[in-house]
Structures are given as C-alpha cells and as structure tokens.
C-alpha cells in the first residue's frame, strides 16, 4: 500500500483526564451514554488532539473527539455501528482531504481490530468528521479505506465493500457530503 497509508501502531494511550471523560459522556442523550470510556489513541493537531476512545457497556462504540486545552471542542462523534468490543486501534499517517470550496483537512484512517480481524475502518478528519467507514475486512497488507490523492489533498477515498468490491466515496453535491456515487475504484498500491 502507498507510503501514506503505512499504518502506525498506537502505543498504549494515556488515560483520559476525568474532566474530559465527563464532558464526552455528558454530550450523549440521557440513557444513550456509554457506561465508561477506554482511551485507545490520539493524534496531535496543533494545540489540540483528536482522541479515539471506546465507549464501553452493553454495546461498545468507537468514539472520536477533539480536545483542546483540557476542554472538549464540539460534539464527540460515534463512528460506525455498536460493536461487542472496540479491540485495538491502528492509525495511518495523517494526510489531507479536500471538499470543493473548503480548506484541506487533516485526516487519518483509523482501524479497530481484534485478534487480527478488522472490526471497523474509517477515514476521520481532525474536526472530527467521518468521511467514510466500512466493516469490510482489509485486504492482506492493506487497508479497507485508502485515499485517492496522488500527492495532493485527497478528494476521494477508495472503500472496500462487504462483498470485496471497491467503491469511490467523494463529495457529492446533491447529498451535501461525502457519499458513494463516483463508481468503482482500485485502491492505490
């Protein structure tokens, strides 16, 4: 897979500060908050960090939040669907994505896996915002989500589908967001 997607193993993350954990949990609707949060990793972004946590309890959930100066910035973001466990997290090297009329955004591909089996893969911007996610298994030595960038900010992602095919996810004006609609793709090597 291209050098940009060389996966970095995430070292054991520091525990979340109690105030940040409280802020993230209080952002959920009553009765919808996870029982607790488990820190999985983070990516620095200037004075802020994008933190990846697992909401534990009845159904585990992958959650991403932006933290700056000990304060949650914006709402935490639930990625994908509930899981039995979030497993381990790996993150790609940061890269840039761009939507028409918007500035380039720092982005990573995050992969949650357990025992070598991919549970969830998502392209997440540092805002945070999910551009695309899939539960499809990653190909050997690759990722189930890859930017189609050729050295520039990516304007499209190649995302593996459950049936093993690949679909292009890009900005779709009619949908007002990153969606399928540009047809099949081949992930970069």
N, C-alpha and C. Protein backbone atom coordinates (compact mmCIF):
# COMPACT_ATOMS: atom_id res chain seq x y z
N UNK A 1 0.86 -1.18 0.00
CA UNK A 1 0.00 0.00 0.00
C UNK A 1 0.89 1.22 0.00
N UNK A 2 0.40 2.33 -0.47
CA UNK A 2 1.23 3.52 -0.60
C UNK A 2 1.82 3.94 0.72
N UNK A 3 2.93 4.64 0.64
CA UNK A 3 3.67 5.08 1.82
C UNK A 3 2.78 5.87 2.78
N UNK A 4 1.86 6.66 2.25
CA UNK A 4 0.97 7.48 3.07
C UNK A 4 0.14 6.65 4.03
N UNK A 5 -0.20 5.44 3.63
CA UNK A 5 -1.04 4.61 4.48
C UNK A 5 -0.26 3.62 5.32
N UNK A 6 1.03 3.80 5.42
CA UNK A 6 1.80 2.92 6.29
C UNK A 6 1.21 3.04 7.68
N UNK A 7 0.67 1.97 8.17
CA UNK A 7 -0.05 2.01 9.44
C UNK A 7 0.92 2.13 10.60
N UNK A 8 0.58 3.00 11.51
CA UNK A 8 1.36 3.19 12.72
C UNK A 8 0.65 2.49 13.86
N UNK A 9 1.36 1.66 14.57
CA UNK A 9 0.75 1.06 15.74
C UNK A 9 0.62 2.11 16.82
N UNK A 10 -0.49 2.15 17.48
CA UNK A 10 -0.74 3.14 18.51
C UNK A 10 -0.22 2.60 19.83
N UNK A 11 0.67 3.36 20.44
CA UNK A 11 1.19 2.95 21.74
C UNK A 11 0.08 3.04 22.77
N UNK A 12 0.28 2.36 23.88
CA UNK A 12 -0.72 2.39 24.95
C UNK A 12 -1.01 3.85 25.30
N UNK A 13 -2.22 4.32 25.07
CA UNK A 13 -2.54 5.72 25.31
C UNK A 13 -2.68 6.02 26.80
N UNK A 14 -2.44 7.26 27.11
CA UNK A 14 -2.66 7.70 28.50
C UNK A 14 -4.16 7.70 28.76
N UNK A 15 -4.53 7.49 30.00
CA UNK A 15 -5.95 7.52 30.38
C UNK A 15 -6.50 8.92 30.12
N UNK A 16 -7.77 8.99 29.85
CA UNK A 16 -8.41 10.28 29.68
C UNK A 16 -8.47 11.00 31.02
N UNK A 17 -8.29 12.31 30.97
CA UNK A 17 -8.46 13.11 32.18
C UNK A 17 -9.92 12.98 32.60
N UNK A 18 -10.20 12.87 33.89
CA UNK A 18 -11.58 12.71 34.35
C UNK A 18 -12.53 13.78 33.82
N UNK A 19 -12.06 15.03 33.70
CA UNK A 19 -12.91 16.11 33.21
C UNK A 19 -13.28 15.90 31.74
N UNK A 20 -12.33 15.43 30.93
CA UNK A 20 -12.61 15.15 29.51
C UNK A 20 -13.59 13.99 29.40
N UNK A 21 -13.38 12.95 30.19
CA UNK A 21 -14.30 11.81 30.16
C UNK A 21 -15.71 12.26 30.53
N UNK A 22 -15.83 13.10 31.56
CA UNK A 22 -17.14 13.61 31.97
C UNK A 22 -17.78 14.42 30.84
N UNK A 23 -16.99 15.28 30.18
CA UNK A 23 -17.51 16.10 29.09
C UNK A 23 -18.00 15.25 27.92
N UNK A 24 -17.24 14.23 27.58
CA UNK A 24 -17.65 13.35 26.47
C UNK A 24 -18.93 12.61 26.84
N UNK A 25 -18.97 12.02 28.02
CA UNK A 25 -20.16 11.25 28.44
C UNK A 25 -21.39 12.14 28.54
N UNK A 26 -21.21 13.39 29.00
CA UNK A 26 -22.37 14.28 29.16
C UNK A 26 -22.91 14.78 27.82
N UNK A 27 -22.16 14.60 26.74
CA UNK A 27 -22.62 15.03 25.42
C UNK A 27 -23.67 14.08 24.84
N UNK A 28 -23.81 12.88 25.43
CA UNK A 28 -24.79 11.91 24.94
C UNK A 28 -26.15 12.18 25.56
N UNK A 29 -27.20 11.79 24.85
CA UNK A 29 -28.56 11.92 25.37
C UNK A 29 -28.73 11.02 26.59
N UNK A 30 -29.60 11.40 27.52
CA UNK A 30 -29.82 10.55 28.71
C UNK A 30 -30.18 9.12 28.29
N UNK A 31 -29.53 8.16 28.92
CA UNK A 31 -29.78 6.75 28.62
C UNK A 31 -29.01 6.23 27.43
N UNK A 32 -28.33 7.12 26.68
CA UNK A 32 -27.58 6.70 25.50
C UNK A 32 -26.07 6.72 25.72
N UNK A 33 -25.64 7.28 26.84
CA UNK A 33 -24.21 7.39 27.12
C UNK A 33 -23.62 6.02 27.44
N UNK A 34 -22.39 5.79 26.99
CA UNK A 34 -21.71 4.55 27.35
C UNK A 34 -21.50 4.49 28.87
N UNK A 35 -21.25 3.29 29.39
CA UNK A 35 -21.01 3.13 30.83
C UNK A 35 -19.70 3.80 31.23
N UNK A 36 -18.68 3.71 30.37
CA UNK A 36 -17.37 4.30 30.64
C UNK A 36 -16.65 4.47 29.32
N UNK A 37 -15.48 5.08 29.38
CA UNK A 37 -14.66 5.29 28.19
C UNK A 37 -13.28 4.68 28.39
N UNK A 38 -12.78 4.05 27.35
CA UNK A 38 -11.44 3.49 27.35
C UNK A 38 -10.64 4.21 26.27
N UNK A 39 -9.54 4.86 26.65
CA UNK A 39 -8.70 5.57 25.69
C UNK A 39 -7.97 4.56 24.81
N UNK A 40 -8.01 4.78 23.48
CA UNK A 40 -7.35 3.88 22.54
C UNK A 40 -6.17 4.54 21.84
N UNK A 41 -6.22 5.85 21.63
CA UNK A 41 -5.14 6.55 20.95
C UNK A 41 -5.50 7.99 20.68
N UNK A 42 -4.54 8.75 20.17
CA UNK A 42 -4.80 10.15 19.83
C UNK A 42 -3.84 10.59 18.74
N UNK A 43 -4.21 11.69 18.08
CA UNK A 43 -3.40 12.31 17.05
C UNK A 43 -3.30 13.79 17.40
N UNK A 44 -2.08 14.34 17.52
CA UNK A 44 -1.97 15.77 17.80
C UNK A 44 -2.35 16.60 16.57
N UNK A 45 -2.94 17.77 16.81
CA UNK A 45 -3.31 18.70 15.75
C UNK A 45 -3.10 20.11 16.30
N UNK A 46 -1.88 20.61 16.20
CA UNK A 46 -1.57 21.91 16.77
C UNK A 46 -1.72 21.87 18.28
N UNK A 47 -2.51 22.78 18.84
CA UNK A 47 -2.73 22.82 20.28
C UNK A 47 -3.79 21.82 20.73
N UNK A 48 -4.42 21.16 19.79
CA UNK A 48 -5.49 20.21 20.09
C UNK A 48 -5.01 18.78 19.85
N UNK A 49 -5.85 17.84 20.27
CA UNK A 49 -5.64 16.42 19.98
C UNK A 49 -6.97 15.83 19.56
N UNK A 50 -6.91 14.90 18.64
CA UNK A 50 -8.09 14.13 18.26
C UNK A 50 -7.94 12.82 18.99
N UNK A 51 -8.87 12.53 19.91
CA UNK A 51 -8.76 11.33 20.74
C UNK A 51 -9.74 10.27 20.26
N UNK A 52 -9.27 9.02 20.28
CA UNK A 52 -10.06 7.87 19.89
C UNK A 52 -10.31 7.05 21.15
N UNK A 53 -11.57 6.87 21.49
CA UNK A 53 -11.93 6.13 22.70
C UNK A 53 -12.96 5.07 22.37
N UNK A 54 -13.13 4.14 23.29
CA UNK A 54 -14.16 3.12 23.16
C UNK A 54 -15.17 3.36 24.26
N UNK A 55 -16.41 3.55 23.88
CA UNK A 55 -17.49 3.63 24.85
C UNK A 55 -17.86 2.22 25.25
N UNK A 56 -17.71 1.88 26.51
CA UNK A 56 -17.94 0.51 26.96
C UNK A 56 -19.33 0.36 27.56
N UNK A 57 -19.71 -0.87 27.81
CA UNK A 57 -21.02 -1.15 28.38
C UNK A 57 -21.72 -2.21 27.56
N UNK A 58 -23.05 -2.12 27.50
CA UNK A 58 -23.83 -3.12 26.78
C UNK A 58 -23.36 -3.30 25.34
N UNK A 59 -23.13 -2.20 24.65
CA UNK A 59 -22.65 -2.25 23.27
C UNK A 59 -21.50 -1.25 23.13
N UNK A 60 -20.35 -1.75 22.80
CA UNK A 60 -19.19 -0.88 22.63
C UNK A 60 -19.39 -0.01 21.40
N UNK A 61 -18.83 1.19 21.47
CA UNK A 61 -18.92 2.12 20.35
C UNK A 61 -17.58 2.81 20.17
N UNK A 62 -17.15 2.93 18.93
CA UNK A 62 -15.97 3.71 18.61
C UNK A 62 -16.37 5.18 18.65
N UNK A 63 -15.62 5.98 19.41
CA UNK A 63 -15.94 7.40 19.57
C UNK A 63 -14.68 8.21 19.31
N UNK A 64 -14.84 9.33 18.60
CA UNK A 64 -13.73 10.24 18.32
C UNK A 64 -14.15 11.62 18.83
N UNK A 65 -13.20 12.33 19.47
CA UNK A 65 -13.49 13.67 19.98
C UNK A 65 -12.26 14.55 19.80
N UNK A 66 -12.50 15.84 19.71
CA UNK A 66 -11.42 16.82 19.63
C UNK A 66 -11.31 17.49 20.99
N UNK A 67 -10.08 17.53 21.51
CA UNK A 67 -9.82 18.10 22.83
C UNK A 67 -8.75 19.17 22.69
N UNK A 68 -9.00 20.33 23.29
CA UNK A 68 -8.03 21.41 23.26
C UNK A 68 -8.01 22.10 24.62
N UNK A 69 -6.82 22.20 25.20
CA UNK A 69 -6.69 22.89 26.48
C UNK A 69 -7.53 22.26 27.58
N UNK A 70 -7.66 20.96 27.59
CA UNK A 70 -8.43 20.29 28.62
C UNK A 70 -9.94 20.40 28.47
N UNK A 71 -10.39 20.83 27.27
CA UNK A 71 -11.82 21.02 27.02
C UNK A 71 -12.22 20.32 25.73
N UNK A 72 -13.37 19.68 25.77
CA UNK A 72 -13.95 19.07 24.58
C UNK A 72 -14.35 20.18 23.62
N UNK A 73 -13.97 20.07 22.35
CA UNK A 73 -14.34 21.04 21.31
C UNK A 73 -15.34 20.38 20.39
N UNK A 74 -16.56 20.87 20.37
CA UNK A 74 -17.60 20.27 19.55
C UNK A 74 -18.14 19.02 20.21
N UNK A 75 -18.95 18.29 19.47
CA UNK A 75 -19.54 17.06 19.99
C UNK A 75 -18.66 15.86 19.68
N UNK A 76 -18.67 14.86 20.57
CA UNK A 76 -17.98 13.62 20.23
C UNK A 76 -18.72 12.95 19.08
N UNK A 77 -18.00 12.15 18.35
CA UNK A 77 -18.53 11.54 17.14
C UNK A 77 -18.52 10.02 17.30
N UNK A 78 -19.69 9.40 17.15
CA UNK A 78 -19.76 7.93 17.17
C UNK A 78 -19.49 7.45 15.75
N UNK A 79 -18.56 6.51 15.61
CA UNK A 79 -18.16 6.00 14.30
C UNK A 79 -18.75 4.62 14.09
N UNK A 80 -19.40 4.42 12.96
CA UNK A 80 -19.95 3.11 12.63
C UNK A 80 -21.12 2.74 13.52
N UNK A 81 -21.29 1.44 13.69
CA UNK A 81 -22.39 0.90 14.48
C UNK A 81 -21.85 0.30 15.78
N UNK A 82 -22.73 0.05 16.77
CA UNK A 82 -22.25 -0.59 18.01
C UNK A 82 -21.55 -1.92 17.72
N UNK A 83 -20.55 -2.22 18.55
CA UNK A 83 -19.77 -3.45 18.41
C UNK A 83 -19.75 -4.17 19.76
N UNK A 84 -19.33 -5.40 19.75
CA UNK A 84 -19.17 -6.13 21.02
C UNK A 84 -17.95 -5.62 21.77
N UNK A 85 -16.92 -5.19 21.04
CA UNK A 85 -15.68 -4.68 21.61
C UNK A 85 -15.03 -3.79 20.58
N UNK A 86 -14.32 -2.76 21.00
CA UNK A 86 -13.60 -1.91 20.06
C UNK A 86 -12.26 -2.51 19.66
N UNK A 87 -11.75 -3.45 20.45
CA UNK A 87 -10.48 -4.07 20.13
C UNK A 87 -9.32 -3.11 20.22
N UNK A 88 -8.35 -3.30 19.31
CA UNK A 88 -7.17 -2.45 19.26
C UNK A 88 -7.33 -1.44 18.13
N UNK A 89 -6.61 -0.34 18.22
CA UNK A 89 -6.69 0.72 17.23
C UNK A 89 -5.35 0.91 16.54
N UNK A 90 -5.37 1.05 15.22
CA UNK A 90 -4.20 1.50 14.47
C UNK A 90 -4.63 2.71 13.66
N UNK A 91 -3.69 3.62 13.47
CA UNK A 91 -3.95 4.85 12.72
C UNK A 91 -2.94 4.99 11.60
N UNK A 92 -3.40 5.49 10.45
CA UNK A 92 -2.49 5.78 9.35
C UNK A 92 -1.72 7.05 9.68
N UNK A 93 -0.74 7.34 8.86
CA UNK A 93 -0.09 8.65 8.94
C UNK A 93 -1.14 9.67 8.52
N UNK A 94 -1.15 10.84 9.13
CA UNK A 94 -2.11 11.87 8.71
C UNK A 94 -1.89 12.26 7.24
N UNK A 95 -2.98 12.56 6.57
CA UNK A 95 -2.96 13.05 5.19
C UNK A 95 -4.04 14.11 5.07
N UNK A 96 -4.09 14.80 3.95
CA UNK A 96 -5.06 15.87 3.74
C UNK A 96 -6.20 15.41 2.84
N UNK A 97 -7.42 15.85 3.16
CA UNK A 97 -8.57 15.64 2.29
C UNK A 97 -9.17 17.01 2.00
N UNK A 98 -9.87 17.12 0.89
CA UNK A 98 -10.44 18.40 0.50
C UNK A 98 -11.78 18.22 -0.18
N UNK A 99 -12.73 19.04 0.24
CA UNK A 99 -14.05 19.12 -0.38
C UNK A 99 -14.11 20.42 -1.17
N UNK A 100 -14.91 20.51 -2.24
CA UNK A 100 -14.99 21.74 -3.02
C UNK A 100 -15.36 22.95 -2.14
N UNK A 101 -14.61 24.03 -2.31
CA UNK A 101 -14.90 25.26 -1.58
C UNK A 101 -14.47 25.25 -0.12
N UNK A 102 -13.84 24.19 0.33
CA UNK A 102 -13.41 24.07 1.72
C UNK A 102 -11.89 23.97 1.79
N UNK A 103 -11.30 24.36 2.94
CA UNK A 103 -9.86 24.17 3.08
C UNK A 103 -9.53 22.69 3.24
N UNK A 104 -8.28 22.34 2.99
CA UNK A 104 -7.83 20.96 3.21
C UNK A 104 -7.94 20.65 4.69
N UNK A 105 -8.28 19.41 5.01
CA UNK A 105 -8.45 18.97 6.40
C UNK A 105 -7.49 17.82 6.70
N UNK A 106 -6.87 17.87 7.89
CA UNK A 106 -6.08 16.73 8.35
C UNK A 106 -7.01 15.54 8.54
N UNK A 107 -6.56 14.37 8.12
CA UNK A 107 -7.39 13.16 8.16
C UNK A 107 -6.51 11.96 8.47
N UNK A 108 -7.06 10.96 9.14
CA UNK A 108 -6.38 9.68 9.34
C UNK A 108 -7.36 8.57 9.00
N UNK A 109 -6.80 7.41 8.66
CA UNK A 109 -7.61 6.21 8.54
C UNK A 109 -7.41 5.45 9.84
N UNK A 110 -8.49 5.24 10.56
CA UNK A 110 -8.47 4.52 11.83
C UNK A 110 -9.04 3.12 11.62
N UNK A 111 -8.35 2.12 12.16
CA UNK A 111 -8.82 0.74 12.04
C UNK A 111 -8.91 0.13 13.43
N UNK A 112 -10.11 -0.33 13.77
CA UNK A 112 -10.34 -1.05 15.01
C UNK A 112 -10.35 -2.53 14.65
N UNK A 113 -9.55 -3.33 15.36
CA UNK A 113 -9.48 -4.76 15.04
C UNK A 113 -9.30 -5.57 16.32
N UNK A 114 -9.61 -6.84 16.23
CA UNK A 114 -9.46 -7.73 17.37
C UNK A 114 -8.96 -9.08 16.87
N UNK A 115 -7.85 -9.53 17.42
CA UNK A 115 -7.30 -10.82 17.02
C UNK A 115 -6.98 -10.90 15.54
N UNK A 116 -6.54 -9.79 14.95
CA UNK A 116 -6.21 -9.78 13.53
C UNK A 116 -7.41 -9.62 12.60
N UNK A 117 -8.62 -9.55 13.15
CA UNK A 117 -9.83 -9.39 12.35
C UNK A 117 -10.28 -7.93 12.40
N UNK A 118 -10.48 -7.33 11.23
CA UNK A 118 -10.93 -5.95 11.15
C UNK A 118 -12.38 -5.85 11.63
N UNK A 119 -12.63 -4.95 12.57
CA UNK A 119 -13.99 -4.69 13.05
C UNK A 119 -14.61 -3.48 12.35
N UNK A 120 -13.77 -2.46 12.11
CA UNK A 120 -14.25 -1.20 11.56
C UNK A 120 -13.06 -0.42 11.03
N UNK A 121 -13.22 0.21 9.87
CA UNK A 121 -12.20 1.10 9.32
C UNK A 121 -12.91 2.38 8.89
N UNK A 122 -12.32 3.53 9.24
CA UNK A 122 -12.96 4.81 8.90
C UNK A 122 -11.92 5.86 8.58
N UNK A 123 -12.25 6.74 7.64
CA UNK A 123 -11.48 7.95 7.39
C UNK A 123 -12.12 9.05 8.23
N UNK A 124 -11.33 9.62 9.16
CA UNK A 124 -11.85 10.60 10.11
C UNK A 124 -11.01 11.87 10.02
N UNK A 125 -11.67 13.02 9.84
CA UNK A 125 -10.95 14.29 9.81
C UNK A 125 -10.69 14.74 11.25
N UNK A 126 -9.81 15.73 11.39
CA UNK A 126 -9.44 16.22 12.72
C UNK A 126 -10.50 17.12 13.33
N UNK A 127 -11.60 17.37 12.65
CA UNK A 127 -12.66 18.24 13.20
C UNK A 127 -13.38 17.66 14.42
N UNK A 128 -13.75 16.47 14.65
CA UNK A 128 -13.71 15.30 13.77
C UNK A 128 -14.98 15.17 12.94
N UNK A 129 -14.80 14.50 11.81
CA UNK A 129 -15.91 14.18 10.91
C UNK A 129 -15.57 12.89 10.20
N UNK A 130 -16.53 11.99 10.10
CA UNK A 130 -16.31 10.74 9.38
C UNK A 130 -16.61 10.98 7.91
N UNK A 131 -15.64 10.68 7.05
CA UNK A 131 -15.85 10.80 5.61
C UNK A 131 -16.38 9.51 5.02
N UNK A 132 -15.90 8.38 5.55
CA UNK A 132 -16.35 7.06 5.08
C UNK A 132 -15.98 6.03 6.12
N UNK A 133 -16.79 4.96 6.22
CA UNK A 133 -16.45 3.86 7.12
C UNK A 133 -16.96 2.56 6.53
N UNK A 134 -16.33 1.46 6.94
CA UNK A 134 -16.73 0.14 6.46
C UNK A 134 -16.38 -0.91 7.52
N UNK A 135 -17.13 -1.98 7.51
CA UNK A 135 -16.80 -3.13 8.37
C UNK A 135 -16.18 -4.25 7.54
N UNK A 136 -15.92 -3.99 6.26
CA UNK A 136 -15.30 -4.99 5.39
C UNK A 136 -13.88 -5.30 5.86
N UNK A 137 -13.46 -6.53 5.66
CA UNK A 137 -12.11 -6.93 6.02
C UNK A 137 -11.09 -6.21 5.14
N UNK A 138 -9.99 -5.85 5.74
CA UNK A 138 -8.90 -5.23 4.97
C UNK A 138 -8.23 -6.28 4.11
N UNK A 139 -7.76 -5.90 2.93
CA UNK A 139 -7.01 -6.86 2.11
C UNK A 139 -5.66 -7.14 2.77
N UNK A 140 -5.03 -8.26 2.47
CA UNK A 140 -3.73 -8.57 3.07
C UNK A 140 -2.73 -7.43 2.84
N UNK A 141 -2.15 -6.94 3.94
CA UNK A 141 -1.14 -5.89 3.85
C UNK A 141 -1.68 -4.52 3.50
N UNK A 142 -2.99 -4.34 3.50
CA UNK A 142 -3.57 -3.05 3.12
C UNK A 142 -4.61 -2.56 4.09
N UNK A 143 -5.37 -1.59 3.65
CA UNK A 143 -6.42 -1.00 4.45
C UNK A 143 -7.73 -1.06 3.67
N UNK A 144 -8.85 -1.10 4.38
CA UNK A 144 -10.16 -1.14 3.74
C UNK A 144 -10.63 0.25 3.30
N UNK A 145 -9.87 1.30 3.66
CA UNK A 145 -10.15 2.67 3.22
C UNK A 145 -8.81 3.28 2.82
N UNK A 146 -8.74 3.79 1.58
CA UNK A 146 -7.49 4.38 1.09
C UNK A 146 -7.77 5.67 0.36
N UNK A 147 -6.96 6.72 0.61
CA UNK A 147 -7.15 7.97 -0.12
C UNK A 147 -6.69 7.83 -1.56
N UNK A 148 -7.41 8.48 -2.46
CA UNK A 148 -7.03 8.55 -3.87
C UNK A 148 -6.47 9.96 -4.09
N UNK A 149 -5.17 10.14 -3.81
CA UNK A 149 -4.66 11.50 -3.76
C UNK A 149 -3.52 11.81 -4.72
N UNK A 150 -2.63 10.88 -5.00
CA UNK A 150 -1.50 11.12 -5.89
C UNK A 150 -0.68 12.34 -5.47
N UNK A 151 -0.39 12.48 -4.17
CA UNK A 151 0.46 13.54 -3.66
C UNK A 151 -0.23 14.85 -3.36
N UNK A 152 -1.50 14.97 -3.63
CA UNK A 152 -2.28 16.19 -3.34
C UNK A 152 -3.29 15.85 -2.25
N UNK A 153 -4.00 16.86 -1.73
CA UNK A 153 -5.09 16.51 -0.81
C UNK A 153 -6.10 15.60 -1.52
N UNK A 154 -6.51 14.55 -0.84
CA UNK A 154 -7.45 13.58 -1.43
C UNK A 154 -8.83 14.20 -1.58
N UNK A 155 -9.41 14.03 -2.74
CA UNK A 155 -10.78 14.48 -2.98
C UNK A 155 -11.72 13.28 -3.09
N UNK A 156 -11.13 12.07 -2.94
CA UNK A 156 -11.92 10.85 -2.99
C UNK A 156 -11.20 9.76 -2.20
N UNK A 157 -11.98 8.79 -1.73
CA UNK A 157 -11.47 7.64 -0.99
C UNK A 157 -11.93 6.38 -1.69
N UNK A 158 -11.11 5.36 -1.65
CA UNK A 158 -11.47 4.05 -2.19
C UNK A 158 -11.81 3.17 -0.98
N UNK A 159 -13.05 2.69 -0.91
CA UNK A 159 -13.54 1.99 0.28
C UNK A 159 -13.97 0.57 -0.10
N UNK A 160 -13.45 -0.41 0.63
CA UNK A 160 -13.80 -1.81 0.37
C UNK A 160 -15.20 -2.10 0.90
N UNK A 161 -15.97 -2.81 0.10
CA UNK A 161 -17.33 -3.18 0.46
C UNK A 161 -17.33 -4.60 1.02
N UNK A 162 -18.41 -4.99 1.67
CA UNK A 162 -18.52 -6.32 2.29
C UNK A 162 -18.31 -7.46 1.28
N UNK A 163 -18.70 -7.24 0.03
CA UNK A 163 -18.56 -8.30 -0.99
C UNK A 163 -17.16 -8.34 -1.61
N UNK A 164 -16.24 -7.48 -1.13
CA UNK A 164 -14.87 -7.45 -1.62
C UNK A 164 -14.64 -6.45 -2.74
N UNK A 165 -15.71 -5.85 -3.28
CA UNK A 165 -15.55 -4.84 -4.32
C UNK A 165 -15.10 -3.52 -3.67
N UNK A 166 -14.69 -2.58 -4.50
CA UNK A 166 -14.23 -1.28 -4.02
C UNK A 166 -15.11 -0.19 -4.60
N UNK A 167 -15.47 0.81 -3.79
CA UNK A 167 -16.35 1.89 -4.20
C UNK A 167 -15.67 3.22 -3.92
N UNK A 168 -15.86 4.19 -4.82
CA UNK A 168 -15.32 5.53 -4.63
C UNK A 168 -16.28 6.35 -3.77
N UNK A 169 -15.75 6.94 -2.72
CA UNK A 169 -16.51 7.86 -1.87
C UNK A 169 -15.89 9.23 -2.07
N UNK A 170 -16.70 10.19 -2.47
CA UNK A 170 -16.22 11.54 -2.71
C UNK A 170 -17.33 12.53 -2.37
N UNK A 171 -17.02 13.82 -2.47
CA UNK A 171 -18.01 14.84 -2.20
C UNK A 171 -19.08 14.76 -3.27
N UNK A 172 -20.32 14.60 -2.84
CA UNK A 172 -21.47 14.55 -3.75
C UNK A 172 -22.35 15.76 -3.47
N UNK A 173 -22.34 16.71 -4.38
CA UNK A 173 -23.06 17.97 -4.19
C UNK A 173 -24.53 17.73 -3.86
N UNK A 174 -25.18 16.81 -4.54
CA UNK A 174 -26.61 16.55 -4.31
C UNK A 174 -26.87 16.07 -2.88
N UNK A 175 -25.92 15.31 -2.32
CA UNK A 175 -26.08 14.80 -0.96
C UNK A 175 -25.54 15.77 0.08
N UNK A 176 -24.73 16.73 -0.36
CA UNK A 176 -24.14 17.69 0.56
C UNK A 176 -23.10 17.06 1.49
N UNK A 177 -22.46 16.00 1.04
CA UNK A 177 -21.45 15.35 1.88
C UNK A 177 -20.70 14.29 1.10
N UNK A 178 -19.80 13.61 1.79
CA UNK A 178 -19.03 12.53 1.20
C UNK A 178 -19.92 11.30 1.11
N UNK A 179 -20.15 10.82 -0.10
CA UNK A 179 -21.04 9.70 -0.34
C UNK A 179 -20.53 8.89 -1.52
N UNK A 180 -21.11 7.71 -1.69
CA UNK A 180 -20.86 6.90 -2.87
C UNK A 180 -21.53 7.57 -4.07
N UNK A 181 -21.04 7.29 -5.24
CA UNK A 181 -21.70 7.85 -6.42
C UNK A 181 -20.76 8.03 -7.58
N UNK A 182 -19.46 7.87 -7.36
CA UNK A 182 -18.50 8.07 -8.44
C UNK A 182 -18.08 6.75 -9.08
N UNK A 183 -18.63 5.63 -8.62
CA UNK A 183 -18.34 4.35 -9.23
C UNK A 183 -17.23 3.56 -8.56
N UNK A 184 -16.88 2.41 -9.14
CA UNK A 184 -15.86 1.56 -8.56
C UNK A 184 -14.48 2.22 -8.64
N UNK A 185 -13.56 1.71 -7.82
CA UNK A 185 -12.18 2.22 -7.82
C UNK A 185 -11.22 1.07 -7.55
N UNK A 186 -9.96 1.33 -7.77
CA UNK A 186 -8.89 0.39 -7.41
C UNK A 186 -8.07 1.07 -6.35
N UNK A 187 -7.87 0.43 -5.19
CA UNK A 187 -7.07 1.08 -4.14
C UNK A 187 -5.63 1.24 -4.59
N UNK A 188 -4.98 2.34 -4.19
CA UNK A 188 -3.58 2.52 -4.56
C UNK A 188 -2.71 1.42 -3.98
N UNK A 189 -1.65 1.09 -4.65
CA UNK A 189 -0.73 0.06 -4.14
C UNK A 189 0.33 0.68 -3.29
